[in-house]
Amino acid sequence: MNHLSKGLILMALCLVFAFLELALGSVTIPLNQVISILLGGDAEKQSWELVVRSARLPRMITAFLAGSGLAMSGLLMQTYFRNPLAGPSVLGITSGSSLAVALLVMLSGGMTVWSAAVGV
């Protein structure tokens, strides 16, 4: 199996999981309705359009962008350091993010951050 066929299989799997992410959830929406909503048509229920366009589609796009950004940053870091095992700790990113979280908790009050994290 060459690299092109592996890439095509991965792209097809990404599309399948993207459509499943748009269709499945606490409100299950039929796949044909999801496709109709994405193509600009009307759905059987107005609430389905709201769920897909306002909640699930932005979440899916954000997940793809965040995943591709993390993959690209990892590739760039490994290329720059010429080390296939290079990670965030090489530049101190892990320590810096821990410091930022500690400062946020100290400056804003612990309960505010805790309540925002757990959704209270």
N, C-alpha and C. Protein backbone atom coordinates (compact mmCIF):
# COMPACT_ATOMS: atom_id res chain seq x y z
N MET A 1 0.85 -1.17 0.00
CA MET A 1 0.00 0.00 0.00
C MET A 1 0.90 1.24 0.00
N ASN A 2 0.74 2.11 -0.98
CA ASN A 2 1.60 3.29 -1.06
C ASN A 2 1.01 4.45 -0.25
N HIS A 3 1.75 5.55 -0.20
CA HIS A 3 1.36 6.69 0.62
C HIS A 3 0.08 7.35 0.11
N LEU A 4 -0.11 7.37 -1.20
CA LEU A 4 -1.30 7.99 -1.76
C LEU A 4 -2.56 7.25 -1.34
N SER A 5 -2.54 5.93 -1.40
CA SER A 5 -3.73 5.17 -1.02
C SER A 5 -3.99 5.28 0.48
N LYS A 6 -2.94 5.33 1.29
CA LYS A 6 -3.13 5.52 2.73
C LYS A 6 -3.74 6.89 3.01
N GLY A 7 -3.28 7.90 2.29
CA GLY A 7 -3.83 9.25 2.46
C GLY A 7 -5.29 9.32 2.05
N LEU A 8 -5.64 8.66 0.96
CA LEU A 8 -7.04 8.66 0.52
C LEU A 8 -7.94 7.94 1.51
N ILE A 9 -7.44 6.84 2.07
CA ILE A 9 -8.22 6.11 3.07
C ILE A 9 -8.43 6.97 4.31
N LEU A 10 -7.38 7.67 4.75
CA LEU A 10 -7.51 8.55 5.91
C LEU A 10 -8.47 9.69 5.65
N MET A 11 -8.43 10.26 4.45
CA MET A 11 -9.36 11.34 4.11
C MET A 11 -10.80 10.83 4.09
N ALA A 12 -11.00 9.65 3.54
CA ALA A 12 -12.35 9.08 3.51
C ALA A 12 -12.86 8.81 4.93
N LEU A 13 -11.99 8.29 5.79
CA LEU A 13 -12.38 8.05 7.18
C LEU A 13 -12.70 9.36 7.90
N CYS A 14 -11.94 10.40 7.62
CA CYS A 14 -12.22 11.71 8.22
C CYS A 14 -13.60 12.22 7.80
N LEU A 15 -13.93 12.06 6.53
CA LEU A 15 -15.25 12.49 6.06
C LEU A 15 -16.38 11.68 6.69
N VAL A 16 -16.17 10.38 6.80
CA VAL A 16 -17.19 9.52 7.42
C VAL A 16 -17.40 9.92 8.87
N PHE A 17 -16.31 10.11 9.60
CA PHE A 17 -16.45 10.49 11.01
C PHE A 17 -16.99 11.90 11.17
N ALA A 18 -16.70 12.78 10.21
CA ALA A 18 -17.25 14.13 10.27
C ALA A 18 -18.77 14.09 10.11
N PHE A 19 -19.26 13.32 9.16
CA PHE A 19 -20.71 13.21 8.99
C PHE A 19 -21.36 12.52 10.20
N LEU A 20 -20.68 11.52 10.75
CA LEU A 20 -21.23 10.88 11.95
C LEU A 20 -21.26 11.85 13.13
N GLU A 21 -20.24 12.71 13.23
CA GLU A 21 -20.22 13.69 14.31
C GLU A 21 -21.37 14.68 14.16
N LEU A 22 -21.70 15.03 12.92
CA LEU A 22 -22.81 15.95 12.69
C LEU A 22 -24.16 15.28 12.92
N ALA A 23 -24.24 13.98 12.73
CA ALA A 23 -25.53 13.29 12.83
C ALA A 23 -25.81 12.75 14.23
N LEU A 24 -24.77 12.32 14.92
CA LEU A 24 -24.98 11.68 16.21
C LEU A 24 -24.75 12.64 17.36
N GLY A 25 -25.48 12.45 18.43
CA GLY A 25 -25.35 13.27 19.62
C GLY A 25 -26.56 13.05 20.50
N SER A 26 -26.80 13.99 21.39
CA SER A 26 -27.98 13.85 22.25
C SER A 26 -29.26 13.92 21.42
N VAL A 27 -29.19 14.64 20.29
CA VAL A 27 -30.28 14.66 19.32
C VAL A 27 -29.77 13.98 18.06
N THR A 28 -30.30 12.82 17.75
CA THR A 28 -29.87 12.09 16.55
C THR A 28 -30.61 12.64 15.34
N ILE A 29 -29.83 13.03 14.34
CA ILE A 29 -30.39 13.60 13.12
C ILE A 29 -30.07 12.64 11.98
N PRO A 30 -31.07 12.28 11.16
CA PRO A 30 -30.80 11.37 10.04
C PRO A 30 -29.73 11.95 9.10
N LEU A 31 -28.91 11.06 8.57
CA LEU A 31 -27.78 11.47 7.74
C LEU A 31 -28.23 12.22 6.48
N ASN A 32 -29.34 11.81 5.89
CA ASN A 32 -29.82 12.52 4.71
C ASN A 32 -30.25 13.95 5.05
N GLN A 33 -30.74 14.17 6.26
CA GLN A 33 -31.10 15.51 6.70
C GLN A 33 -29.86 16.37 6.94
N VAL A 34 -28.81 15.76 7.47
CA VAL A 34 -27.55 16.48 7.68
C VAL A 34 -26.99 16.95 6.34
N ILE A 35 -27.00 16.06 5.35
CA ILE A 35 -26.49 16.41 4.03
C ILE A 35 -27.35 17.53 3.42
N SER A 36 -28.65 17.45 3.59
CA SER A 36 -29.55 18.48 3.08
C SER A 36 -29.27 19.83 3.74
N ILE A 37 -29.03 19.82 5.04
CA ILE A 37 -28.73 21.07 5.76
C ILE A 37 -27.41 21.65 5.28
N LEU A 38 -26.41 20.80 5.08
CA LEU A 38 -25.10 21.28 4.64
C LEU A 38 -25.14 21.84 3.22
N LEU A 39 -26.03 21.32 2.39
CA LEU A 39 -26.15 21.80 1.02
C LEU A 39 -27.09 23.00 0.90
N GLY A 40 -27.60 23.48 2.03
CA GLY A 40 -28.44 24.67 2.02
C GLY A 40 -29.92 24.40 1.94
N GLY A 41 -30.33 23.16 1.95
CA GLY A 41 -31.75 22.84 1.91
C GLY A 41 -32.38 22.95 3.29
N ASP A 42 -33.68 22.68 3.32
CA ASP A 42 -34.41 22.73 4.58
C ASP A 42 -34.50 21.34 5.18
N ALA A 43 -34.49 21.28 6.50
CA ALA A 43 -34.63 20.01 7.20
C ALA A 43 -36.09 19.83 7.59
N GLU A 44 -36.42 18.60 7.99
CA GLU A 44 -37.79 18.33 8.42
C GLU A 44 -38.14 19.13 9.67
N LYS A 45 -37.17 19.27 10.56
CA LYS A 45 -37.39 20.03 11.79
C LYS A 45 -36.43 21.22 11.81
N GLN A 46 -36.95 22.37 12.17
CA GLN A 46 -36.15 23.58 12.25
C GLN A 46 -35.06 23.44 13.32
N SER A 47 -35.34 22.72 14.37
CA SER A 47 -34.35 22.55 15.44
C SER A 47 -33.12 21.78 14.96
N TRP A 48 -33.29 20.89 14.00
CA TRP A 48 -32.14 20.15 13.47
C TRP A 48 -31.18 21.10 12.76
N GLU A 49 -31.73 22.05 12.01
CA GLU A 49 -30.87 23.03 11.34
C GLU A 49 -30.08 23.84 12.36
N LEU A 50 -30.74 24.24 13.43
CA LEU A 50 -30.09 25.01 14.48
C LEU A 50 -28.98 24.20 15.15
N VAL A 51 -29.26 22.94 15.42
CA VAL A 51 -28.26 22.08 16.07
C VAL A 51 -27.05 21.89 15.17
N VAL A 52 -27.28 21.60 13.90
CA VAL A 52 -26.16 21.34 12.98
C VAL A 52 -25.37 22.61 12.71
N ARG A 53 -26.05 23.69 12.36
CA ARG A 53 -25.34 24.91 11.95
C ARG A 53 -24.75 25.68 13.11
N SER A 54 -25.40 25.67 14.25
CA SER A 54 -24.93 26.49 15.37
C SER A 54 -24.04 25.76 16.36
N ALA A 55 -24.19 24.46 16.47
CA ALA A 55 -23.42 23.73 17.48
C ALA A 55 -22.45 22.73 16.90
N ARG A 56 -22.95 21.84 16.10
CA ARG A 56 -22.10 20.72 15.66
C ARG A 56 -21.11 21.09 14.57
N LEU A 57 -21.51 21.90 13.61
CA LEU A 57 -20.59 22.27 12.52
C LEU A 57 -19.41 23.11 13.02
N PRO A 58 -19.64 24.15 13.84
CA PRO A 58 -18.48 24.88 14.38
C PRO A 58 -17.57 24.00 15.23
N ARG A 59 -18.16 23.08 15.99
CA ARG A 59 -17.36 22.17 16.82
C ARG A 59 -16.51 21.25 15.95
N MET A 60 -17.08 20.78 14.85
CA MET A 60 -16.33 19.90 13.96
C MET A 60 -15.19 20.65 13.27
N ILE A 61 -15.47 21.86 12.81
CA ILE A 61 -14.43 22.66 12.15
C ILE A 61 -13.32 23.00 13.13
N THR A 62 -13.68 23.35 14.36
CA THR A 62 -12.68 23.64 15.38
C THR A 62 -11.82 22.42 15.68
N ALA A 63 -12.43 21.26 15.75
CA ALA A 63 -11.66 20.03 16.01
C ALA A 63 -10.67 19.74 14.89
N PHE A 64 -11.11 19.92 13.63
CA PHE A 64 -10.19 19.70 12.52
C PHE A 64 -9.05 20.70 12.52
N LEU A 65 -9.36 21.98 12.79
CA LEU A 65 -8.31 22.99 12.81
C LEU A 65 -7.34 22.78 13.96
N ALA A 66 -7.86 22.44 15.13
CA ALA A 66 -6.97 22.21 16.27
C ALA A 66 -6.10 20.97 16.04
N GLY A 67 -6.68 19.92 15.52
CA GLY A 67 -5.90 18.71 15.25
C GLY A 67 -4.84 18.92 14.20
N SER A 68 -5.20 19.64 13.14
CA SER A 68 -4.20 19.89 12.10
C SER A 68 -3.13 20.84 12.59
N GLY A 69 -3.49 21.80 13.43
CA GLY A 69 -2.50 22.71 14.01
C GLY A 69 -1.53 21.99 14.92
N LEU A 70 -2.04 21.08 15.73
CA LEU A 70 -1.15 20.30 16.60
C LEU A 70 -0.23 19.40 15.79
N ALA A 71 -0.76 18.79 14.74
CA ALA A 71 0.07 17.93 13.90
C ALA A 71 1.16 18.74 13.20
N MET A 72 0.78 19.91 12.69
CA MET A 72 1.76 20.75 12.00
C MET A 72 2.83 21.27 12.96
N SER A 73 2.42 21.67 14.16
CA SER A 73 3.42 22.16 15.11
C SER A 73 4.36 21.05 15.55
N GLY A 74 3.85 19.85 15.71
CA GLY A 74 4.71 18.72 16.04
C GLY A 74 5.68 18.40 14.93
N LEU A 75 5.20 18.44 13.69
CA LEU A 75 6.08 18.19 12.55
C LEU A 75 7.16 19.26 12.45
N LEU A 76 6.79 20.52 12.63
CA LEU A 76 7.77 21.59 12.56
C LEU A 76 8.80 21.49 13.68
N MET A 77 8.35 21.14 14.87
CA MET A 77 9.28 21.01 15.99
C MET A 77 10.25 19.85 15.75
N GLN A 78 9.76 18.74 15.27
CA GLN A 78 10.63 17.60 15.00
C GLN A 78 11.59 17.91 13.85
N THR A 79 11.14 18.65 12.86
CA THR A 79 12.01 19.02 11.75
C THR A 79 13.07 20.02 12.20
N TYR A 80 12.67 21.01 12.98
CA TYR A 80 13.60 22.05 13.42
C TYR A 80 14.71 21.47 14.29
N PHE A 81 14.35 20.60 15.22
CA PHE A 81 15.35 20.03 16.13
C PHE A 81 16.01 18.77 15.57
N ARG A 82 15.56 18.31 14.41
CA ARG A 82 16.08 17.09 13.79
C ARG A 82 16.04 15.92 14.77
N ASN A 83 14.93 15.83 15.45
CA ASN A 83 14.75 14.80 16.48
C ASN A 83 13.34 14.26 16.36
N PRO A 84 13.17 12.98 16.00
CA PRO A 84 11.82 12.44 15.85
C PRO A 84 11.05 12.34 17.17
N LEU A 85 11.74 12.51 18.29
CA LEU A 85 11.08 12.43 19.59
C LEU A 85 10.85 13.80 20.22
N ALA A 86 11.10 14.87 19.48
CA ALA A 86 10.95 16.22 20.03
C ALA A 86 9.50 16.47 20.42
N GLY A 87 9.32 17.06 21.58
CA GLY A 87 7.99 17.38 22.07
C GLY A 87 7.96 18.77 22.68
N PRO A 88 6.84 19.15 23.25
CA PRO A 88 6.71 20.48 23.82
C PRO A 88 7.69 20.77 24.96
N SER A 89 8.14 19.76 25.65
CA SER A 89 9.04 19.99 26.78
C SER A 89 10.43 20.44 26.32
N VAL A 90 10.76 20.25 25.04
CA VAL A 90 12.07 20.66 24.53
C VAL A 90 12.22 22.18 24.64
N LEU A 91 11.15 22.92 24.36
CA LEU A 91 11.20 24.37 24.41
C LEU A 91 10.68 24.94 25.73
N GLY A 92 10.27 24.08 26.64
CA GLY A 92 9.73 24.57 27.90
C GLY A 92 8.28 24.98 27.81
N ILE A 93 7.59 24.53 26.77
CA ILE A 93 6.19 24.91 26.59
C ILE A 93 5.33 24.31 27.70
N THR A 94 5.66 23.10 28.14
CA THR A 94 4.89 22.45 29.19
C THR A 94 5.01 23.23 30.49
N SER A 95 6.21 23.63 30.84
CA SER A 95 6.42 24.39 32.07
C SER A 95 5.78 25.76 31.98
N GLY A 96 5.86 26.39 30.82
CA GLY A 96 5.26 27.71 30.63
C GLY A 96 3.75 27.67 30.75
N SER A 97 3.14 26.65 30.21
CA SER A 97 1.68 26.56 30.31
C SER A 97 1.24 26.28 31.74
N SER A 98 2.02 25.49 32.47
CA SER A 98 1.71 25.25 33.89
C SER A 98 1.81 26.54 34.69
N LEU A 99 2.80 27.35 34.39
CA LEU A 99 2.95 28.63 35.06
C LEU A 99 1.77 29.55 34.73
N ALA A 100 1.35 29.58 33.49
CA ALA A 100 0.22 30.43 33.10
C ALA A 100 -1.06 30.01 33.82
N VAL A 101 -1.31 28.72 33.95
CA VAL A 101 -2.49 28.24 34.66
C VAL A 101 -2.41 28.60 36.13
N ALA A 102 -1.23 28.44 36.74
CA ALA A 102 -1.07 28.79 38.15
C ALA A 102 -1.30 30.28 38.37
N LEU A 103 -0.78 31.13 37.49
CA LEU A 103 -1.00 32.57 37.62
C LEU A 103 -2.47 32.93 37.45
N LEU A 104 -3.14 32.28 36.51
CA LEU A 104 -4.56 32.53 36.29
C LEU A 104 -5.37 32.18 37.53
N VAL A 105 -5.06 31.05 38.14
CA VAL A 105 -5.78 30.63 39.33
C VAL A 105 -5.51 31.60 40.47
N MET A 106 -4.27 32.02 40.63
CA MET A 106 -3.92 32.92 41.73
C MET A 106 -4.53 34.30 41.54
N LEU A 107 -4.50 34.84 40.35
CA LEU A 107 -4.96 36.20 40.12
C LEU A 107 -6.47 36.34 40.02
N SER A 108 -7.15 35.30 39.57
CA SER A 108 -8.59 35.42 39.38
C SER A 108 -9.39 34.77 40.50
N GLY A 109 -8.74 34.09 41.41
CA GLY A 109 -9.46 33.40 42.46
C GLY A 109 -9.75 31.99 42.03
N GLY A 110 -9.48 31.05 42.87
CA GLY A 110 -9.59 29.64 42.53
C GLY A 110 -10.99 29.19 42.18
N MET A 111 -12.01 29.73 42.86
CA MET A 111 -13.36 29.26 42.62
C MET A 111 -13.88 29.69 41.25
N THR A 112 -13.46 30.84 40.78
CA THR A 112 -13.93 31.29 39.47
C THR A 112 -13.46 30.34 38.37
N VAL A 113 -12.21 29.97 38.42
CA VAL A 113 -11.67 29.05 37.42
C VAL A 113 -12.29 27.67 37.58
N TRP A 114 -12.45 27.22 38.82
CA TRP A 114 -13.03 25.91 39.06
C TRP A 114 -14.47 25.85 38.56
N SER A 115 -15.25 26.88 38.85
CA SER A 115 -16.65 26.87 38.42
C SER A 115 -16.77 26.97 36.91
N ALA A 116 -15.84 27.68 36.27
CA ALA A 116 -15.86 27.74 34.81
C ALA A 116 -15.47 26.41 34.21
N ALA A 117 -14.55 25.70 34.86
CA ALA A 117 -14.09 24.42 34.33
C ALA A 117 -15.16 23.34 34.42
N VAL A 118 -15.89 23.32 35.50
CA VAL A 118 -16.90 22.28 35.67
C VAL A 118 -18.28 22.72 35.17
N GLY A 119 -18.41 23.97 34.76
CA GLY A 119 -19.66 24.43 34.18
C GLY A 119 -20.73 24.77 35.17
N VAL A 120 -20.36 25.14 36.38
CA VAL A 120 -21.36 25.50 37.40
C VAL A 120 -21.78 26.93 37.25
